[in-house]
């Protein structure tokens, strides 16, 4: 019954800032690991940032993006600063890592940098 819904995507000029949010509904374990992924056209899905016990970032976004989590509300946030054209992609929220990967995924939100 868990569902993840991303929001906050849109169009932004290069160098700008955009903040994405992922809200979890249903019976979600508050301690689940959560991550942000993205997929650009013609490319494989890549891990952008994860929040477990520590924060980790892909080299391409390190220093520009910040992942945060409100465990009480089950909301995951990705603040994206100094956006580049290469950041254009559909961004996905994922939660609850298990043997085969993340169990739950959102539908994605489009981020377009121009």
N, C-alpha and C. Protein backbone atom coordinates (compact mmCIF):
# COMPACT_ATOMS: atom_id res chain seq x y z
N UNK A 1 0.81 -1.22 0.00
CA UNK A 1 0.00 0.00 0.00
C UNK A 1 0.84 1.27 0.00
N UNK A 2 2.13 1.10 -0.10
CA UNK A 2 3.03 2.24 -0.11
C UNK A 2 3.08 2.86 -1.50
N UNK A 3 3.01 4.16 -1.53
CA UNK A 3 3.11 4.89 -2.78
C UNK A 3 3.99 6.12 -2.58
N UNK A 4 4.86 6.35 -3.54
CA UNK A 4 5.74 7.50 -3.51
C UNK A 4 5.33 8.47 -4.60
N UNK A 5 5.23 9.73 -4.25
CA UNK A 5 4.83 10.75 -5.21
C UNK A 5 5.83 11.88 -5.21
N UNK A 6 6.47 12.08 -6.36
CA UNK A 6 7.43 13.16 -6.50
C UNK A 6 6.74 14.44 -6.94
N UNK A 7 7.30 15.55 -6.55
CA UNK A 7 6.78 16.84 -6.97
C UNK A 7 7.93 17.84 -6.97
N UNK A 8 7.69 18.97 -7.59
CA UNK A 8 8.68 20.03 -7.61
C UNK A 8 9.46 20.15 -8.90
N UNK A 9 9.24 19.24 -9.82
CA UNK A 9 9.93 19.31 -11.09
C UNK A 9 9.42 20.46 -11.93
N UNK A 10 10.16 20.76 -12.97
CA UNK A 10 9.78 21.83 -13.86
C UNK A 10 10.95 22.30 -14.68
N UNK A 11 10.81 23.47 -15.25
CA UNK A 11 11.87 24.06 -16.07
C UNK A 11 12.57 25.16 -15.31
N UNK A 12 13.88 25.19 -15.46
CA UNK A 12 14.67 26.19 -14.77
C UNK A 12 15.87 26.56 -15.63
N UNK A 13 16.34 27.77 -15.50
CA UNK A 13 17.50 28.20 -16.25
C UNK A 13 18.77 27.63 -15.65
N UNK A 14 19.78 27.46 -16.48
CA UNK A 14 21.06 26.96 -16.00
C UNK A 14 21.59 27.87 -14.90
N UNK A 15 22.12 27.25 -13.87
CA UNK A 15 22.61 28.00 -12.73
C UNK A 15 21.57 28.23 -11.67
N UNK A 16 20.34 27.88 -11.97
CA UNK A 16 19.26 28.08 -11.04
C UNK A 16 19.12 26.97 -10.02
N UNK A 17 18.09 27.08 -9.23
CA UNK A 17 17.84 26.14 -8.15
C UNK A 17 16.44 25.56 -8.25
N UNK A 18 16.33 24.30 -7.92
CA UNK A 18 15.05 23.61 -7.92
C UNK A 18 15.06 22.61 -6.78
N UNK A 19 13.93 22.46 -6.13
CA UNK A 19 13.83 21.51 -5.03
C UNK A 19 12.74 20.48 -5.30
N UNK A 20 13.12 19.23 -5.23
CA UNK A 20 12.19 18.13 -5.44
C UNK A 20 11.78 17.54 -4.11
N UNK A 21 10.55 17.07 -4.04
CA UNK A 21 10.06 16.42 -2.84
C UNK A 21 9.45 15.08 -3.20
N UNK A 22 9.55 14.16 -2.28
CA UNK A 22 8.97 12.84 -2.44
C UNK A 22 8.17 12.54 -1.19
N UNK A 23 6.88 12.40 -1.34
CA UNK A 23 6.00 12.11 -0.22
C UNK A 23 5.56 10.66 -0.27
N UNK A 24 5.70 9.98 0.85
CA UNK A 24 5.31 8.58 0.93
C UNK A 24 3.96 8.46 1.63
N UNK A 25 3.09 7.67 1.06
CA UNK A 25 1.80 7.41 1.66
C UNK A 25 1.69 5.91 1.92
N UNK A 26 0.79 5.56 2.82
CA UNK A 26 0.62 4.17 3.15
C UNK A 26 1.50 3.75 4.31
N UNK A 27 1.61 2.46 4.48
CA UNK A 27 2.34 1.90 5.61
C UNK A 27 3.83 1.76 5.29
N UNK A 28 4.51 2.86 5.33
CA UNK A 28 5.93 2.85 5.05
C UNK A 28 6.75 2.91 6.33
N UNK A 29 7.73 2.06 6.40
CA UNK A 29 8.64 2.05 7.54
C UNK A 29 9.49 3.30 7.51
N UNK A 30 9.43 4.05 8.58
CA UNK A 30 10.13 5.33 8.64
C UNK A 30 11.64 5.20 8.54
N UNK A 31 12.15 4.01 8.85
CA UNK A 31 13.58 3.81 8.81
C UNK A 31 14.13 3.32 7.48
N UNK A 32 13.28 3.21 6.49
CA UNK A 32 13.71 2.76 5.17
C UNK A 32 14.75 3.68 4.56
N UNK A 33 15.70 3.08 3.89
CA UNK A 33 16.65 3.86 3.11
C UNK A 33 15.89 4.52 1.97
N UNK A 34 16.31 5.71 1.59
CA UNK A 34 15.65 6.40 0.50
C UNK A 34 16.70 7.05 -0.39
N UNK A 35 16.39 7.10 -1.67
CA UNK A 35 17.34 7.63 -2.63
C UNK A 35 16.64 8.37 -3.75
N UNK A 36 17.41 9.18 -4.44
CA UNK A 36 16.96 9.83 -5.66
C UNK A 36 17.76 9.27 -6.84
N UNK A 37 17.05 8.91 -7.88
CA UNK A 37 17.65 8.48 -9.13
C UNK A 37 17.20 9.42 -10.22
N UNK A 38 17.88 9.35 -11.35
CA UNK A 38 17.44 10.11 -12.50
C UNK A 38 17.77 9.35 -13.77
N UNK A 39 17.03 9.64 -14.81
CA UNK A 39 17.28 9.02 -16.09
C UNK A 39 17.08 10.04 -17.19
N UNK A 40 18.13 10.28 -17.93
CA UNK A 40 18.09 11.18 -19.07
C UNK A 40 17.80 10.38 -20.33
N UNK A 41 17.26 11.01 -21.35
CA UNK A 41 16.96 10.30 -22.60
C UNK A 41 18.18 9.58 -23.16
N UNK A 42 18.00 8.31 -23.48
CA UNK A 42 19.07 7.53 -24.07
C UNK A 42 20.14 7.06 -23.11
N UNK A 43 19.94 7.31 -21.84
CA UNK A 43 20.94 6.91 -20.85
C UNK A 43 20.33 5.99 -19.79
N UNK A 44 21.21 5.30 -19.10
CA UNK A 44 20.78 4.41 -18.03
C UNK A 44 20.39 5.22 -16.80
N UNK A 45 19.52 4.65 -16.02
CA UNK A 45 19.14 5.28 -14.77
C UNK A 45 20.35 5.31 -13.84
N UNK A 46 20.56 6.42 -13.18
CA UNK A 46 21.70 6.55 -12.30
C UNK A 46 21.29 7.04 -10.92
N UNK A 47 22.05 6.61 -9.95
CA UNK A 47 21.82 7.06 -8.59
C UNK A 47 22.37 8.46 -8.43
N UNK A 48 21.54 9.36 -7.94
CA UNK A 48 21.94 10.74 -7.74
C UNK A 48 22.39 10.98 -6.31
N UNK A 49 21.58 10.55 -5.37
CA UNK A 49 21.88 10.75 -3.96
C UNK A 49 21.11 9.75 -3.13
N UNK A 50 21.69 9.36 -2.03
CA UNK A 50 21.02 8.43 -1.13
C UNK A 50 21.11 8.91 0.31
N UNK A 51 20.14 8.52 1.07
CA UNK A 51 20.11 8.88 2.49
C UNK A 51 19.85 7.60 3.28
N UNK A 52 20.86 7.14 3.97
CA UNK A 52 20.72 5.98 4.84
C UNK A 52 21.17 6.46 6.21
N UNK A 53 22.36 6.07 6.62
CA UNK A 53 22.91 6.59 7.86
C UNK A 53 23.76 7.83 7.56
N UNK A 54 24.23 7.90 6.33
CA UNK A 54 24.99 9.05 5.87
C UNK A 54 24.47 9.45 4.50
N UNK A 55 24.82 10.64 4.07
CA UNK A 55 24.42 11.11 2.76
C UNK A 55 25.51 10.81 1.75
N UNK A 56 25.09 10.33 0.59
CA UNK A 56 26.04 10.05 -0.48
C UNK A 56 25.53 10.65 -1.78
N UNK A 57 26.48 11.07 -2.59
CA UNK A 57 26.12 11.74 -3.84
C UNK A 57 26.94 11.23 -5.00
N UNK A 58 26.33 11.25 -6.16
CA UNK A 58 27.07 10.95 -7.37
C UNK A 58 28.10 12.07 -7.57
N UNK A 59 29.23 11.72 -8.14
CA UNK A 59 30.28 12.72 -8.35
C UNK A 59 29.79 13.91 -9.18
N UNK A 60 28.89 13.65 -10.09
CA UNK A 60 28.41 14.69 -10.97
C UNK A 60 27.57 15.76 -10.27
N UNK A 61 27.04 15.45 -9.09
CA UNK A 61 26.19 16.40 -8.39
C UNK A 61 26.75 16.82 -7.04
N UNK A 62 27.83 16.21 -6.64
CA UNK A 62 28.43 16.50 -5.34
C UNK A 62 28.78 17.98 -5.23
N UNK A 63 28.37 18.57 -4.13
CA UNK A 63 28.62 19.98 -3.91
C UNK A 63 27.52 20.88 -4.43
N UNK A 64 26.61 20.32 -5.22
CA UNK A 64 25.53 21.12 -5.79
C UNK A 64 24.15 20.68 -5.28
N UNK A 65 24.01 19.38 -5.04
CA UNK A 65 22.73 18.83 -4.59
C UNK A 65 22.80 18.45 -3.12
N UNK A 66 21.67 18.55 -2.46
CA UNK A 66 21.57 18.17 -1.06
C UNK A 66 20.33 17.33 -0.84
N UNK A 67 20.52 16.13 -0.29
CA UNK A 67 19.40 15.26 0.02
C UNK A 67 19.09 15.40 1.50
N UNK A 68 17.82 15.43 1.83
CA UNK A 68 17.40 15.51 3.22
C UNK A 68 16.13 14.70 3.40
N UNK A 69 15.83 14.41 4.65
CA UNK A 69 14.67 13.57 4.94
C UNK A 69 13.99 13.99 6.22
N UNK A 70 12.69 14.03 6.16
CA UNK A 70 11.87 14.24 7.34
C UNK A 70 11.24 12.89 7.63
N UNK A 71 11.85 12.14 8.53
CA UNK A 71 11.40 10.78 8.81
C UNK A 71 9.98 10.72 9.38
N UNK A 72 9.64 11.70 10.20
CA UNK A 72 8.32 11.72 10.81
C UNK A 72 7.21 11.85 9.77
N UNK A 73 7.48 12.60 8.73
CA UNK A 73 6.49 12.82 7.68
C UNK A 73 6.70 11.95 6.45
N UNK A 74 7.79 11.19 6.45
CA UNK A 74 8.14 10.35 5.30
C UNK A 74 8.25 11.18 4.02
N UNK A 75 8.99 12.26 4.13
CA UNK A 75 9.22 13.13 2.99
C UNK A 75 10.71 13.22 2.70
N UNK A 76 11.07 12.96 1.48
CA UNK A 76 12.44 13.05 1.03
C UNK A 76 12.56 14.26 0.11
N UNK A 77 13.62 15.02 0.29
CA UNK A 77 13.80 16.24 -0.48
C UNK A 77 15.16 16.24 -1.17
N UNK A 78 15.19 16.79 -2.35
CA UNK A 78 16.44 16.97 -3.07
C UNK A 78 16.53 18.42 -3.51
N UNK A 79 17.43 19.16 -2.89
CA UNK A 79 17.65 20.54 -3.29
C UNK A 79 18.77 20.56 -4.31
N UNK A 80 18.48 21.12 -5.45
CA UNK A 80 19.43 21.14 -6.55
C UNK A 80 19.84 22.57 -6.85
N UNK A 81 21.10 22.86 -6.62
CA UNK A 81 21.64 24.18 -6.87
C UNK A 81 22.57 24.15 -8.08
N UNK A 82 22.81 25.31 -8.63
CA UNK A 82 23.73 25.44 -9.77
C UNK A 82 23.44 24.42 -10.85
N UNK A 83 22.20 24.34 -11.23
CA UNK A 83 21.79 23.34 -12.21
C UNK A 83 22.46 23.53 -13.56
N UNK A 84 22.76 22.40 -14.18
CA UNK A 84 23.41 22.37 -15.47
C UNK A 84 22.50 21.71 -16.50
N UNK A 85 22.80 21.92 -17.75
CA UNK A 85 22.03 21.30 -18.81
C UNK A 85 22.02 19.78 -18.66
N UNK A 86 23.13 19.23 -18.21
CA UNK A 86 23.26 17.79 -18.04
C UNK A 86 22.38 17.21 -16.94
N UNK A 87 21.81 18.08 -16.13
CA UNK A 87 20.94 17.62 -15.06
C UNK A 87 19.53 17.33 -15.55
N UNK A 88 19.25 17.69 -16.78
CA UNK A 88 17.94 17.44 -17.35
C UNK A 88 17.66 15.94 -17.37
N UNK A 89 16.58 15.55 -16.74
CA UNK A 89 16.23 14.13 -16.63
C UNK A 89 14.91 13.99 -15.90
N UNK A 90 14.42 12.78 -15.88
CA UNK A 90 13.29 12.46 -15.03
C UNK A 90 13.87 11.96 -13.72
N UNK A 91 13.45 12.55 -12.64
CA UNK A 91 13.97 12.20 -11.33
C UNK A 91 12.99 11.31 -10.58
N UNK A 92 13.52 10.25 -9.99
CA UNK A 92 12.71 9.27 -9.30
C UNK A 92 13.11 9.13 -7.84
N UNK A 93 12.13 8.99 -7.01
CA UNK A 93 12.33 8.70 -5.61
C UNK A 93 12.22 7.20 -5.41
N UNK A 94 13.09 6.63 -4.59
CA UNK A 94 13.05 5.21 -4.30
C UNK A 94 13.20 5.00 -2.80
N UNK A 95 12.54 3.97 -2.30
CA UNK A 95 12.56 3.72 -0.87
C UNK A 95 12.62 2.24 -0.54
N UNK A 96 13.19 1.95 0.59
CA UNK A 96 13.26 0.60 1.17
C UNK A 96 14.10 -0.37 0.35
N UNK A 97 15.38 -0.33 0.59
CA UNK A 97 16.30 -1.20 -0.12
C UNK A 97 16.21 -2.62 0.40
N UNK A 98 16.26 -3.57 -0.52
CA UNK A 98 16.27 -4.99 -0.17
C UNK A 98 17.26 -5.70 -1.08
N UNK A 99 17.24 -7.03 -1.04
CA UNK A 99 18.21 -7.82 -1.79
C UNK A 99 18.27 -7.48 -3.29
N UNK A 100 17.12 -7.24 -3.87
CA UNK A 100 17.07 -6.97 -5.30
C UNK A 100 17.05 -5.50 -5.67
N UNK A 101 17.29 -4.64 -4.71
CA UNK A 101 17.27 -3.22 -4.97
C UNK A 101 16.16 -2.53 -4.19
N UNK A 102 15.80 -1.35 -4.63
CA UNK A 102 14.74 -0.62 -3.94
C UNK A 102 13.37 -1.21 -4.24
N UNK A 103 12.57 -1.28 -3.21
CA UNK A 103 11.25 -1.90 -3.30
C UNK A 103 10.20 -0.98 -3.90
N UNK A 104 10.23 0.27 -3.51
CA UNK A 104 9.22 1.22 -3.94
C UNK A 104 9.81 2.34 -4.78
N UNK A 105 9.06 2.73 -5.79
CA UNK A 105 9.49 3.78 -6.71
C UNK A 105 8.34 4.74 -7.00
N UNK A 106 8.70 5.99 -7.15
CA UNK A 106 7.72 6.97 -7.56
C UNK A 106 7.59 6.96 -9.07
N UNK A 107 6.68 7.77 -9.58
CA UNK A 107 6.43 7.82 -11.02
C UNK A 107 7.39 8.75 -11.75
N UNK A 108 8.10 9.56 -11.01
CA UNK A 108 9.08 10.44 -11.61
C UNK A 108 8.56 11.85 -11.82
N UNK A 109 9.47 12.79 -11.81
CA UNK A 109 9.14 14.18 -12.09
C UNK A 109 10.20 14.75 -13.02
N UNK A 110 9.76 15.44 -14.04
CA UNK A 110 10.66 15.95 -15.06
C UNK A 110 11.36 17.23 -14.62
N UNK A 111 12.66 17.25 -14.81
CA UNK A 111 13.45 18.45 -14.57
C UNK A 111 14.12 18.82 -15.88
N UNK A 112 13.88 20.03 -16.33
CA UNK A 112 14.45 20.49 -17.58
C UNK A 112 15.26 21.76 -17.33
N UNK A 113 16.52 21.71 -17.67
CA UNK A 113 17.41 22.85 -17.49
C UNK A 113 17.78 23.40 -18.86
N UNK A 114 17.62 24.68 -19.03
CA UNK A 114 17.92 25.30 -20.31
C UNK A 114 18.60 26.64 -20.13
